[in-house]
Amino acid sequence: MIVVATSDFEVYHGVVNELRERGAAFTTVEPDEPLPEGTTVVVTGADYAETFPNVKTVVADPDAPRRAVDQALTTARGEGGRTIVGVDPGRKPGIAVLAGEMVVAAFQVPLSDAVDAIQREVAEAASPVVRIGDGARLQSSTLINDLEDVRVELVDETGTTPYLGTGARGMGDVLAAVNIARLEGEPVERREIEPTAGELQMIKDRAREHSETNRAIDEVLARRVAAGELTIEEALIQHRDDETTDDPDS
């Protein structure tokens, strides 16, 4: 059983609300009261971190109750605490966070925000691993090359995208990320990909779509976008600045 024992109102409010949203079984006690029989993990604040020496304790940050609840649920289920992050790469990667076999969080964010989102999820985890699908070559390379201080595996993502029935539109990338997280891959530190002519043209076309003046970028900038050095928006700004520099009368 999960027990919340804290006098910190912010910790109490955040953790209890998060547990209720998850439908988790839990109870609450005052920090100086005896723990109920069957207690497996206590969630408390920093001021009571050393109060429960005989039971597993999770110290909650009032600004991050979800992380504490993730740890408590994992401990209560005896899953060993390993965090696995699955990523279905693309322009808006699907990201799934697993604790053992339990999915504890899911996201879909722009590629430019994906590394920060992943790093937050593995920051305090024990022996985490990030598993990235190999389907979107340029985007997966960007993620692999930008992730630091975490084990990364490249996964064959063939067959990981499920059939989506009525009402499930938009969930495919996240569900694929769950499946990717459950597949072992090959450890990788970097992935160097030479963009094809077709991929460079696709980047140029996307830049034209994003430009208010139907502006195209050159191949040098397209290659930098492909390498993850620039976003489309940054490449358009750089292209505009280069044109201004080349034309002093502009």
Protein backbone atom coordinates (compact mmCIF):
# COMPACT_ATOMS: atom_id res chain seq x y z
CA MET A 1 0.00 0.00 0.00
CA ILE A 2 1.12 3.55 -0.76
CA VAL A 3 0.97 5.91 2.22
CA VAL A 4 1.21 9.69 1.93
CA ALA A 5 2.66 11.14 5.14
CA THR A 6 3.60 14.79 5.04
CA SER A 7 2.80 18.12 6.66
CA ASP A 8 3.79 20.00 3.51
CA PHE A 9 0.49 21.12 1.99
CA GLU A 10 1.90 21.54 -1.54
CA VAL A 11 3.42 18.05 -1.50
CA TYR A 12 0.22 16.57 -0.05
CA HIS A 13 -2.05 18.31 -2.54
CA GLY A 14 0.07 17.48 -5.59
CA VAL A 15 0.73 13.84 -4.71
CA VAL A 16 -2.83 13.03 -3.62
CA ASN A 17 -4.33 14.58 -6.74
CA GLU A 18 -1.88 12.69 -8.94
CA LEU A 19 -2.66 9.38 -7.19
CA ARG A 20 -6.39 9.97 -7.56
CA GLU A 21 -6.01 10.72 -11.26
CA ARG A 22 -4.15 7.41 -11.66
CA GLY A 23 -6.84 5.49 -9.78
CA ALA A 24 -4.18 4.22 -7.36
CA ALA A 25 -4.99 2.74 -3.95
CA PHE A 26 -3.43 4.79 -1.15
CA THR A 27 -4.05 6.23 2.28
CA THR A 28 -2.82 9.25 4.20
CA VAL A 29 -1.52 9.68 7.76
CA GLU A 30 0.12 12.39 9.80
CA PRO A 31 3.93 12.07 9.71
CA ASP A 32 4.10 11.26 13.46
CA GLU A 33 1.39 8.56 13.32
CA PRO A 34 2.12 4.81 13.05
CA LEU A 35 2.11 3.51 9.48
CA PRO A 36 -0.78 1.20 8.56
CA GLU A 37 -0.13 -2.52 8.29
CA GLY A 38 0.81 -3.48 4.74
CA THR A 39 2.61 -0.22 3.94
CA THR A 40 5.03 -0.81 1.07
CA VAL A 41 6.12 2.74 0.29
CA VAL A 42 5.77 6.14 1.96
CA VAL A 43 5.58 9.40 0.02
CA THR A 44 6.66 12.37 2.10
CA GLY A 45 8.29 15.79 1.93
CA ALA A 46 11.93 16.71 2.44
CA ASP A 47 11.38 17.57 6.11
CA TYR A 48 10.42 13.96 6.91
CA ALA A 49 12.84 12.18 4.59
CA GLU A 50 14.58 10.35 7.47
CA THR A 51 11.45 9.60 9.51
CA PHE A 52 10.63 6.16 8.06
CA PRO A 53 13.84 4.09 8.18
CA ASN A 54 12.12 0.71 7.98
CA VAL A 55 10.09 1.26 4.82
CA LYS A 56 10.89 2.44 1.30
CA THR A 57 10.49 6.19 1.13
CA VAL A 58 9.93 8.53 -1.81
CA VAL A 59 10.68 12.18 -1.12
CA ALA A 60 8.41 14.35 -3.24
CA ASP A 61 9.33 17.71 -4.73
CA PRO A 62 6.28 19.99 -4.46
CA ASP A 63 6.95 21.13 -8.04
CA ALA A 64 7.15 17.57 -9.43
CA PRO A 65 4.48 15.37 -7.81
CA ARG A 66 4.14 13.15 -10.87
CA ARG A 67 7.74 11.98 -10.61
CA ALA A 68 7.21 11.00 -6.97
CA VAL A 69 4.03 9.12 -7.83
CA ASP A 70 5.81 7.31 -10.68
CA GLN A 71 8.49 6.16 -8.23
CA ALA A 72 5.93 5.14 -5.61
CA LEU A 73 3.84 3.11 -8.06
CA THR A 74 6.92 1.37 -9.42
CA THR A 75 8.11 0.49 -5.92
CA ALA A 76 4.68 -0.71 -4.83
CA ARG A 77 4.45 -3.02 -7.84
CA GLY A 78 7.97 -4.36 -7.33
CA GLU A 79 9.08 -3.54 -10.88
CA GLY A 80 12.68 -2.81 -9.95
CA GLY A 81 12.50 0.89 -10.76
CA ARG A 82 14.05 0.88 -14.25
CA THR A 83 12.83 3.67 -16.48
CA ILE A 84 12.58 2.95 -20.20
CA VAL A 85 11.73 5.71 -22.64
CA GLY A 86 10.48 4.70 -26.08
CA VAL A 87 10.60 7.23 -28.91
CA ASP A 88 8.88 7.05 -32.28
CA PRO A 89 10.91 9.71 -34.13
CA GLY A 90 9.49 12.19 -36.58
CA ARG A 91 8.68 15.89 -36.84
CA LYS A 92 6.58 15.44 -33.67
CA PRO A 93 8.00 12.36 -31.93
CA GLY A 94 5.81 10.15 -29.80
CA ILE A 95 7.39 9.53 -26.40
CA ALA A 96 6.35 6.85 -23.89
CA VAL A 97 7.83 6.42 -20.42
CA LEU A 98 7.66 2.96 -18.87
CA ALA A 99 8.47 1.80 -15.34
CA GLY A 100 8.90 -1.91 -15.84
CA GLU A 101 5.87 -2.89 -17.92
CA MET A 102 3.74 0.00 -16.72
CA VAL A 103 3.29 3.07 -18.92
CA VAL A 104 3.60 6.02 -16.54
CA ALA A 105 3.69 8.94 -18.98
CA ALA A 106 3.22 9.72 -22.66
CA PHE A 107 3.91 12.79 -24.79
CA GLN A 108 3.97 14.05 -28.34
CA VAL A 109 6.11 17.14 -28.78
CA PRO A 110 7.89 19.01 -31.58
CA LEU A 111 11.28 17.54 -32.45
CA SER A 112 13.00 20.65 -31.06
CA ASP A 113 11.52 19.93 -27.60
CA ALA A 114 11.97 16.16 -27.59
CA VAL A 115 15.48 15.94 -26.13
CA ASP A 116 14.58 18.18 -23.19
CA ALA A 117 11.44 16.12 -22.53
CA ILE A 118 13.41 12.86 -22.57
CA GLN A 119 16.20 14.25 -20.36
CA ARG A 120 13.65 15.34 -17.76
CA GLU A 121 12.19 11.84 -17.60
CA VAL A 122 15.56 10.08 -17.12
CA ALA A 123 17.22 12.73 -14.93
CA GLU A 124 16.74 10.95 -11.60
CA ALA A 125 16.00 7.42 -12.81
CA ALA A 126 18.07 4.37 -11.91
CA SER A 127 19.87 2.90 -14.96
CA PRO A 128 17.46 4.37 -17.52
CA VAL A 129 17.51 3.47 -21.20
CA VAL A 130 16.13 5.40 -24.17
CA ARG A 131 15.00 3.28 -27.12
CA ILE A 132 14.60 5.15 -30.40
CA GLY A 133 12.99 3.76 -33.53
CA ASP A 134 15.09 3.69 -36.69
CA GLY A 135 12.35 4.67 -39.13
CA ALA A 136 12.78 8.43 -39.50
CA ARG A 137 16.51 8.54 -40.26
CA LEU A 138 17.20 12.24 -39.93
CA GLN A 139 15.06 12.82 -36.85
CA SER A 140 16.31 9.73 -35.03
CA SER A 141 19.89 10.80 -35.72
CA THR A 142 19.20 14.23 -34.26
CA LEU A 143 17.82 12.70 -31.07
CA ILE A 144 20.63 10.17 -30.69
CA ASN A 145 23.35 12.75 -31.24
CA ASP A 146 21.83 15.30 -28.85
CA LEU A 147 21.04 12.97 -25.92
CA GLU A 148 23.70 12.95 -23.21
CA ASP A 149 24.55 10.83 -20.17
CA VAL A 150 22.00 8.11 -20.89
CA ARG A 151 22.11 4.71 -22.56
CA VAL A 152 20.51 4.93 -26.02
CA GLU A 153 19.44 1.96 -28.14
CA LEU A 154 18.43 2.05 -31.80
CA VAL A 155 15.41 -0.19 -32.34
CA ASP A 156 14.05 -1.79 -35.51
CA GLU A 157 10.60 -0.22 -35.45
CA THR A 158 9.09 -2.47 -38.13
CA GLY A 159 5.54 -3.34 -37.11
CA THR A 160 5.44 -1.09 -34.05
CA THR A 161 2.70 1.23 -35.32
CA PRO A 162 -0.66 -0.36 -34.43
CA TYR A 163 -3.89 -0.32 -36.35
CA LEU A 164 -6.00 2.58 -35.10
CA GLY A 165 -9.73 2.07 -34.84
CA THR A 166 -12.50 4.63 -34.57
CA GLY A 167 -11.72 7.44 -32.12
CA ALA A 168 -8.01 6.66 -31.89
CA ARG A 169 -6.80 9.14 -34.49
CA GLY A 170 -3.58 10.87 -33.47
CA MET A 171 -2.51 8.18 -31.00
CA GLY A 172 -0.38 6.16 -33.42
CA ASP A 173 3.01 7.77 -32.67
CA VAL A 174 2.59 7.44 -28.91
CA LEU A 175 1.41 3.82 -29.12
CA ALA A 176 4.32 3.05 -31.43
CA ALA A 177 6.63 4.58 -28.81
CA VAL A 178 5.22 2.17 -26.21
CA ASN A 179 5.98 -0.77 -28.49
CA ILE A 180 9.47 0.57 -29.24
CA ALA A 181 10.17 0.86 -25.50
CA ARG A 182 9.45 -2.87 -25.13
CA LEU A 183 11.95 -3.94 -27.80
CA GLU A 184 15.67 -4.30 -27.15
CA GLY A 185 17.86 -2.45 -29.62
CA GLU A 186 21.50 -1.93 -30.47
CA PRO A 187 23.42 0.44 -28.17
CA VAL A 188 24.46 3.54 -30.10
CA GLU A 189 26.29 6.77 -29.22
CA ARG A 190 26.05 8.59 -32.55
CA ARG A 191 24.28 8.08 -35.83
CA GLU A 192 25.73 9.79 -38.85
CA ILE A 193 23.31 10.01 -41.76
CA GLU A 194 24.00 11.59 -45.16
CA PRO A 195 20.70 13.11 -46.28
CA THR A 196 19.44 12.04 -49.68
CA ALA A 197 18.52 14.48 -52.41
CA GLY A 198 14.88 13.71 -51.73
CA GLU A 199 15.23 14.44 -48.02
CA LEU A 200 16.97 17.75 -48.72
CA GLN A 201 14.24 18.71 -51.18
CA MET A 202 11.60 17.86 -48.56
CA ILE A 203 13.32 20.21 -46.10
CA LYS A 204 13.43 22.96 -48.72
CA ASP A 205 9.72 22.43 -49.45
CA ARG A 206 8.88 22.63 -45.75
CA ALA A 207 10.90 25.85 -45.47
CA ARG A 208 8.92 27.32 -48.36
CA GLU A 209 5.65 26.32 -46.63
CA HIS A 210 6.77 28.02 -43.40
CA SER A 211 7.92 31.20 -45.11
CA GLU A 212 5.43 34.07 -45.33
CA THR A 213 7.06 35.16 -48.59
CA ASN A 214 7.40 31.67 -50.14
CA ARG A 215 11.12 31.89 -49.42
CA ALA A 216 13.36 28.92 -50.24
CA ILE A 217 16.57 27.98 -48.42
CA ASP A 218 19.71 26.75 -50.11
CA GLU A 219 21.24 23.28 -49.83
CA VAL A 220 23.83 24.32 -47.22
CA LEU A 221 21.11 25.42 -44.83
CA ALA A 222 18.98 22.40 -45.70
CA ARG A 223 21.89 20.14 -44.72
CA ARG A 224 22.21 21.96 -41.40
CA VAL A 225 18.51 21.40 -40.77
CA ALA A 226 18.95 17.73 -41.66
CA ALA A 227 21.82 17.46 -39.19
CA GLY A 228 19.72 19.01 -36.43
CA GLU A 229 21.89 22.11 -36.20
CA LEU A 230 19.01 24.42 -37.17
CA THR A 231 15.25 24.34 -37.11
CA ILE A 232 13.31 25.34 -40.24
CA GLU A 233 12.52 28.69 -38.62
CA GLU A 234 16.18 29.31 -37.74
CA ALA A 235 17.25 28.39 -41.27
CA LEU A 236 14.79 30.89 -42.74
CA ILE A 237 16.13 33.64 -40.46
CA GLN A 238 19.71 32.75 -41.42
CA HIS A 239 18.79 32.76 -45.10
CA ARG A 240 17.15 36.18 -44.78
CA ASP A 241 20.18 37.55 -42.90
CA ASP A 242 22.56 36.16 -45.53
CA GLU A 243 20.56 37.83 -48.30
CA THR A 244 20.61 41.13 -46.41
CA THR A 245 24.39 40.89 -45.97
CA ASP A 246 24.90 40.11 -49.65
CA ASP A 247 22.70 43.05 -50.71
CA PRO A 248 23.92 46.19 -48.87
CA ASP A 249 21.17 48.30 -50.53
CA SER A 250 18.39 46.13 -49.08
